Structure formats: C-alpha cells, structure tokens
Amino acid sequence: MTTSPDLTCRVIRAADTYDGKQGLTYFCGIASETVGSKGICMHLLTVPAGARAKAHLHENHETAIYMLDGEVLTLFGHRLENCIPTRAGDLVYIPAGVPHLPINVSDKPASAVIARTDPNEQESVVLLPELESLVEERIALLKKSGIPQAQ
C-alpha cells in the first residue's frame, strides 16, 4: 500500500527560527507552511528575560499555551486590563479575538509550546498599536504594586 504525500507524517526539528509580527522570534514548527497542516499550528517560543510581545490578537483562532520553563505575565482584555501569571507546567487558553501579549519580567528566559487553530502561523495575527501605550503604563503599575506570582 502506498501513502499519498499529504498523508505522510513529518518531523520538524526546531532549529530554524523566524521573526513574528508580535515582535518575538519563534522556532519553526507545525504549520501549513512547513508540513501542509490544515487546521492547526504549533511552535516553540522563548521570551528573553525582560522582553515582551506587541499587543495583538488572533482573528477567529483560539490559542493554547503550555509553559515549559520560566515565568511570564500575560496581559489580556480589550484594554489589556487583566493579567495572569504563568510558570512551568501551566496551560493557558486564549479565546479568538482577545487582545493579549506575554511579558517576561524576570531575569531568565521563559519557553512555551504554542498551538493555534490557524494552520497559517502568522496569518491571523492582528497587531494593536493603539494599545501599546497602555502596555507600558500597565507594566509600570504592576512593578509599582507588585508583580503577581503564579501560584
């Protein structure tokens, strides 16, 4: 029995990287562009110490994140008014259309596996430059009042 090319299992070695619209560097993973996936993408992300993504959302696509190591704060909401701290072993769900961004306020890198219901890794990314000034205000407020810790 012969297997057709689109029914072949594939392995992606996370060696190559690309710069995402969100302002961070991602390790190439499972996507329409790499393996021809039809309904999912999955990749690795390391957020350097002190780094953050740009405010963005994913139109019509859900996101699931598994924290491998480190700690990250995720700001989310229409005005980035909410904050959830996450650490290694935590799972995060972000509904489609919700503005968000990760922030690494620690002095160590943080890594995560990210999966989305969009097979085209960057296609549904919508940058929200109008929220960028809120990000800096929110970070300053968090630092002043105390960074929330993952429980």
C-alpha atoms as a PDB file:
ATOM      1  CA  MET A   1       0.000   0.000   0.000  1.00  0.00           C
ATOM      2  CA  THR A   2       1.381   3.421  -0.959  1.00  0.00           C
ATOM      3  CA  THR A   3       0.923   6.524   1.187  1.00  0.00           C
ATOM      4  CA  SER A   4      -0.018   9.718  -0.616  1.00  0.00           C
ATOM      5  CA  PRO A   5       2.268  12.729   0.078  1.00  0.00           C
ATOM      6  CA  ASP A   6      -0.429  14.609   2.046  1.00  0.00           C
ATOM      7  CA  LEU A   7      -0.917  11.592   4.341  1.00  0.00           C
ATOM      8  CA  THR A   8       2.726  11.341   5.333  1.00  0.00           C
ATOM      9  CA  CYS A   9       3.804  12.002   8.916  1.00  0.00           C
ATOM     10  CA  ARG A  10       6.507  14.643   9.242  1.00  0.00           C
ATOM     11  CA  VAL A  11       9.091  15.632  11.832  1.00  0.00           C
ATOM     12  CA  ILE A  12      10.150  19.242  12.226  1.00  0.00           C
ATOM     13  CA  ARG A  13      13.399  19.877  14.068  1.00  0.00           C
ATOM     14  CA  ALA A  14      13.017  23.181  15.911  1.00  0.00           C
ATOM     15  CA  ALA A  15      16.315  24.596  14.653  1.00  0.00           C
ATOM     16  CA  ASP A  16      15.152  27.285  12.226  1.00  0.00           C
ATOM     17  CA  THR A  17      13.601  30.494  13.531  1.00  0.00           C
ATOM     18  CA  TYR A  18      11.526  33.352  12.171  1.00  0.00           C
ATOM     19  CA  ASP A  19      10.563  36.771  13.483  1.00  0.00           C
ATOM     20  CA  GLY A  20       6.836  37.005  14.163  1.00  0.00           C
ATOM     21  CA  LYS A  21       4.707  40.114  13.727  1.00  0.00           C
ATOM     22  CA  GLN A  22       4.328  40.090  17.507  1.00  0.00           C
ATOM     23  CA  GLY A  23       7.971  41.184  17.898  1.00  0.00           C
ATOM     24  CA  LEU A  24       9.443  37.897  19.163  1.00  0.00           C
ATOM     25  CA  THR A  25      11.499  35.163  17.491  1.00  0.00           C
ATOM     26  CA  TYR A  26       9.808  31.780  17.137  1.00  0.00           C
ATOM     27  CA  PHE A  27      11.221  28.333  16.419  1.00  0.00           C
ATOM     28  CA  CYS A  28       9.657  26.881  13.262  1.00  0.00           C
ATOM     29  CA  GLY A  29       7.127  24.199  13.998  1.00  0.00           C
ATOM     30  CA  ILE A  30       3.985  22.619  12.644  1.00  0.00           C
ATOM     31  CA  ALA A  31       2.153  24.923  10.214  1.00  0.00           C
ATOM     32  CA  SER A  32       0.655  24.991   6.764  1.00  0.00           C
ATOM     33  CA  GLU A  33       3.939  26.487   5.569  1.00  0.00           C
ATOM     34  CA  THR A  34       6.116  23.671   6.973  1.00  0.00           C
ATOM     35  CA  VAL A  35       4.030  20.500   6.756  1.00  0.00           C
ATOM     36  CA  GLY A  36       0.835  21.476   4.960  1.00  0.00           C
ATOM     37  CA  SER A  37      -1.340  21.280   8.094  1.00  0.00           C
ATOM     38  CA  LYS A  38      -4.982  22.162   7.538  1.00  0.00           C
ATOM     39  CA  GLY A  39      -6.296  23.160  10.962  1.00  0.00           C
ATOM     40  CA  ILE A  40      -3.512  23.695  13.480  1.00  0.00           C
ATOM     41  CA  CYS A  41      -0.116  25.239  14.027  1.00  0.00           C
ATOM     42  CA  MET A  42       2.264  24.530  16.884  1.00  0.00           C
ATOM     43  CA  HIS A  43       5.625  26.075  17.590  1.00  0.00           C
ATOM     44  CA  LEU A  44       8.103  26.903  20.330  1.00  0.00           C
ATOM     45  CA  LEU A  45       8.697  30.349  21.739  1.00  0.00           C
ATOM     46  CA  THR A  46      11.389  31.573  24.092  1.00  0.00           C
ATOM     47  CA  VAL A  47      10.712  35.003  25.568  1.00  0.00           C
ATOM     48  CA  PRO A  48      14.070  36.513  26.582  1.00  0.00           C
ATOM     49  CA  ALA A  49      14.470  37.999  30.057  1.00  0.00           C
ATOM     50  CA  GLY A  50      12.793  41.415  30.176  1.00  0.00           C
ATOM     51  CA  ALA A  51      11.179  41.039  26.735  1.00  0.00           C
ATOM     52  CA  ARG A  52       7.553  41.277  25.674  1.00  0.00           C
ATOM     53  CA  ALA A  53       5.443  40.844  22.584  1.00  0.00           C
ATOM     54  CA  LYS A  54       3.497  43.605  20.882  1.00  0.00           C
ATOM     55  CA  ALA A  55      -0.196  43.873  21.740  1.00  0.00           C
ATOM     56  CA  HIS A  56      -2.109  41.671  19.298  1.00  0.00           C
ATOM     57  CA  LEU A  57      -4.980  39.269  18.789  1.00  0.00           C
ATOM     58  CA  HIS A  58      -5.680  36.263  16.585  1.00  0.00           C
ATOM     59  CA  GLU A  59      -8.809  36.737  14.497  1.00  0.00           C
ATOM     60  CA  ASN A  60     -11.115  33.726  14.564  1.00  0.00           C
ATOM     61  CA  HIS A  61      -8.490  31.404  16.076  1.00  0.00           C
ATOM     62  CA  GLU A  62      -8.009  30.025  19.564  1.00  0.00           C
ATOM     63  CA  THR A  63      -4.600  29.702  21.210  1.00  0.00           C
ATOM     64  CA  ALA A  64      -3.359  27.105  23.705  1.00  0.00           C
ATOM     65  CA  ILE A  65      -0.029  27.537  25.505  1.00  0.00           C
ATOM     66  CA  TYR A  66       1.995  25.124  27.622  1.00  0.00           C
ATOM     67  CA  MET A  67       4.726  26.763  29.696  1.00  0.00           C
ATOM     68  CA  LEU A  68       7.890  24.673  29.576  1.00  0.00           C
ATOM     69  CA  ASP A  69      10.043  26.818  31.853  1.00  0.00           C
ATOM     70  CA  GLY A  70      10.341  30.296  33.299  1.00  0.00           C
ATOM     71  CA  GLU A  71       7.569  32.715  34.221  1.00  0.00           C
ATOM     72  CA  VAL A  72       5.508  35.054  32.052  1.00  0.00           C
ATOM     73  CA  LEU A  73       2.749  37.553  32.703  1.00  0.00           C
ATOM     74  CA  THR A  74       0.013  37.672  30.087  1.00  0.00           C
ATOM     75  CA  LEU A  75      -1.920  40.910  29.761  1.00  0.00           C
ATOM     76  CA  PHE A  76      -5.303  40.460  28.098  1.00  0.00           C
ATOM     77  CA  GLY A  77      -8.639  42.136  27.558  1.00  0.00           C
ATOM     78  CA  HIS A  78      -9.945  44.946  25.382  1.00  0.00           C
ATOM     79  CA  ARG A  79      -7.685  47.449  27.186  1.00  0.00           C
ATOM     80  CA  LEU A  80      -5.212  44.845  28.496  1.00  0.00           C
ATOM     81  CA  GLU A  81      -6.820  45.311  31.898  1.00  0.00           C
ATOM     82  CA  ASN A  82      -6.347  41.698  33.021  1.00  0.00           C
ATOM     83  CA  CYS A  83      -3.139  39.932  33.998  1.00  0.00           C
ATOM     84  CA  ILE A  84      -2.418  36.258  34.584  1.00  0.00           C
ATOM     85  CA  PRO A  85       0.951  34.975  35.801  1.00  0.00           C
ATOM     86  CA  THR A  86       2.086  31.612  34.467  1.00  0.00           C
ATOM     87  CA  ARG A  87       5.038  29.336  35.160  1.00  0.00           C
ATOM     88  CA  ALA A  88       6.428  25.991  34.031  1.00  0.00           C
ATOM     89  CA  GLY A  89       3.682  23.371  33.839  1.00  0.00           C
ATOM     90  CA  ASP A  90       0.823  25.847  33.411  1.00  0.00           C
ATOM     91  CA  LEU A  91      -1.595  25.695  30.495  1.00  0.00           C
ATOM     92  CA  VAL A  92      -3.143  28.893  29.118  1.00  0.00           C
ATOM     93  CA  TYR A  93      -6.176  29.276  26.849  1.00  0.00           C
ATOM     94  CA  ILE A  94      -6.745  32.468  24.855  1.00  0.00           C
ATOM     95  CA  PRO A  95     -10.079  32.716  23.007  1.00  0.00           C
ATOM     96  CA  ALA A  96     -10.181  34.002  19.436  1.00  0.00           C
ATOM     97  CA  GLY A  97     -10.256  37.778  19.130  1.00  0.00           C
ATOM     98  CA  VAL A  98      -8.957  38.578  22.629  1.00  0.00           C
ATOM     99  CA  PRO A  99      -6.188  41.235  22.724  1.00  0.00           C
ATOM    100  CA  HIS A 100      -3.162  39.941  24.630  1.00  0.00           C
ATOM    101  CA  LEU A 101       0.610  39.838  24.969  1.00  0.00           C
ATOM    102  CA  PRO A 102       3.179  37.964  27.062  1.00  0.00           C
ATOM    103  CA  ILE A 103       5.729  39.805  29.204  1.00  0.00           C
ATOM    104  CA  ASN A 104       8.791  38.243  30.785  1.00  0.00           C
ATOM    105  CA  VAL A 105       9.557  40.454  33.777  1.00  0.00           C
ATOM    106  CA  SER A 106      12.143  38.037  35.166  1.00  0.00           C
ATOM    107  CA  ASP A 107      15.892  37.884  34.611  1.00  0.00           C
ATOM    108  CA  LYS A 108      15.670  34.413  32.975  1.00  0.00           C
ATOM    109  CA  PRO A 109      14.241  33.309  29.614  1.00  0.00           C
ATOM    110  CA  ALA A 110      10.821  31.632  29.524  1.00  0.00           C
ATOM    111  CA  SER A 111       9.843  28.960  26.987  1.00  0.00           C
ATOM    112  CA  ALA A 112       6.471  27.653  25.853  1.00  0.00           C
ATOM    113  CA  VAL A 113       4.793  25.413  23.289  1.00  0.00           C
ATOM    114  CA  ILE A 114       2.091  27.389  21.480  1.00  0.00           C
ATOM    115  CA  ALA A 115      -0.722  25.850  19.428  1.00  0.00           C
ATOM    116  CA  ARG A 116      -3.393  27.679  17.459  1.00  0.00           C
ATOM    117  CA  THR A 117      -6.380  26.632  15.381  1.00  0.00           C
ATOM    118  CA  ASP A 118      -4.911  28.578  12.447  1.00  0.00           C
ATOM    119  CA  PRO A 119      -2.625  26.437  10.279  1.00  0.00           C
ATOM    120  CA  ASN A 120      -1.020  29.565   8.778  1.00  0.00           C
ATOM    121  CA  GLU A 121       1.195  30.644  11.662  1.00  0.00           C
ATOM    122  CA  GLN A 122       1.146  34.424  11.144  1.00  0.00           C
ATOM    123  CA  GLU A 123      -1.976  34.894   9.021  1.00  0.00           C
ATOM    124  CA  SER A 124      -4.441  35.636  11.832  1.00  0.00           C
ATOM    125  CA  VAL A 125      -2.083  37.893  13.839  1.00  0.00           C
ATOM    126  CA  VAL A 126      -3.538  41.402  14.091  1.00  0.00           C
ATOM    127  CA  LEU A 127      -1.266  43.973  15.726  1.00  0.00           C
ATOM    128  CA  LEU A 128      -2.956  46.513  18.000  1.00  0.00           C
ATOM    129  CA  PRO A 129      -0.650  49.558  18.022  1.00  0.00           C
ATOM    130  CA  GLU A 130      -3.375  51.631  19.696  1.00  0.00           C
ATOM    131  CA  LEU A 131      -2.831  49.531  22.862  1.00  0.00           C
ATOM    132  CA  GLU A 132       0.958  49.925  23.018  1.00  0.00           C
ATOM    133  CA  SER A 133       0.895  52.986  25.291  1.00  0.00           C
ATOM    134  CA  LEU A 134      -1.346  51.042  27.693  1.00  0.00           C
ATOM    135  CA  VAL A 135       1.232  48.250  27.852  1.00  0.00           C
ATOM    136  CA  GLU A 136       3.976  50.462  29.248  1.00  0.00           C
ATOM    137  CA  GLU A 137       1.538  52.038  31.740  1.00  0.00           C
ATOM    138  CA  ARG A 138       0.351  48.579  32.808  1.00  0.00           C
ATOM    139  CA  ILE A 139       3.906  47.252  33.273  1.00  0.00           C
ATOM    140  CA  ALA A 140       4.861  50.312  35.353  1.00  0.00           C
ATOM    141  CA  LEU A 141       1.753  49.845  37.520  1.00  0.00           C
ATOM    142  CA  LEU A 142       2.475  46.136  38.003  1.00  0.00           C
ATOM    143  CA  LYS A 143       6.069  46.866  39.025  1.00  0.00           C
ATOM    144  CA  LYS A 144       4.888  49.551  41.466  1.00  0.00           C
ATOM    145  CA  SER A 145       2.112  47.488  43.044  1.00  0.00           C
ATOM    146  CA  GLY A 146       3.937  44.168  42.897  1.00  0.00           C
ATOM    147  CA  ILE A 147       4.236  41.626  40.134  1.00  0.00           C
ATOM    148  CA  PRO A 148       1.616  38.876  40.553  1.00  0.00           C
ATOM    149  CA  GLN A 149       3.176  35.479  41.142  1.00  0.00           C
ATOM    150  CA  ALA A 150       1.973  32.210  39.638  1.00  0.00           C
ATOM    151  CA  GLN A 151       0.515  30.061  42.434  1.00  0.00           C
END
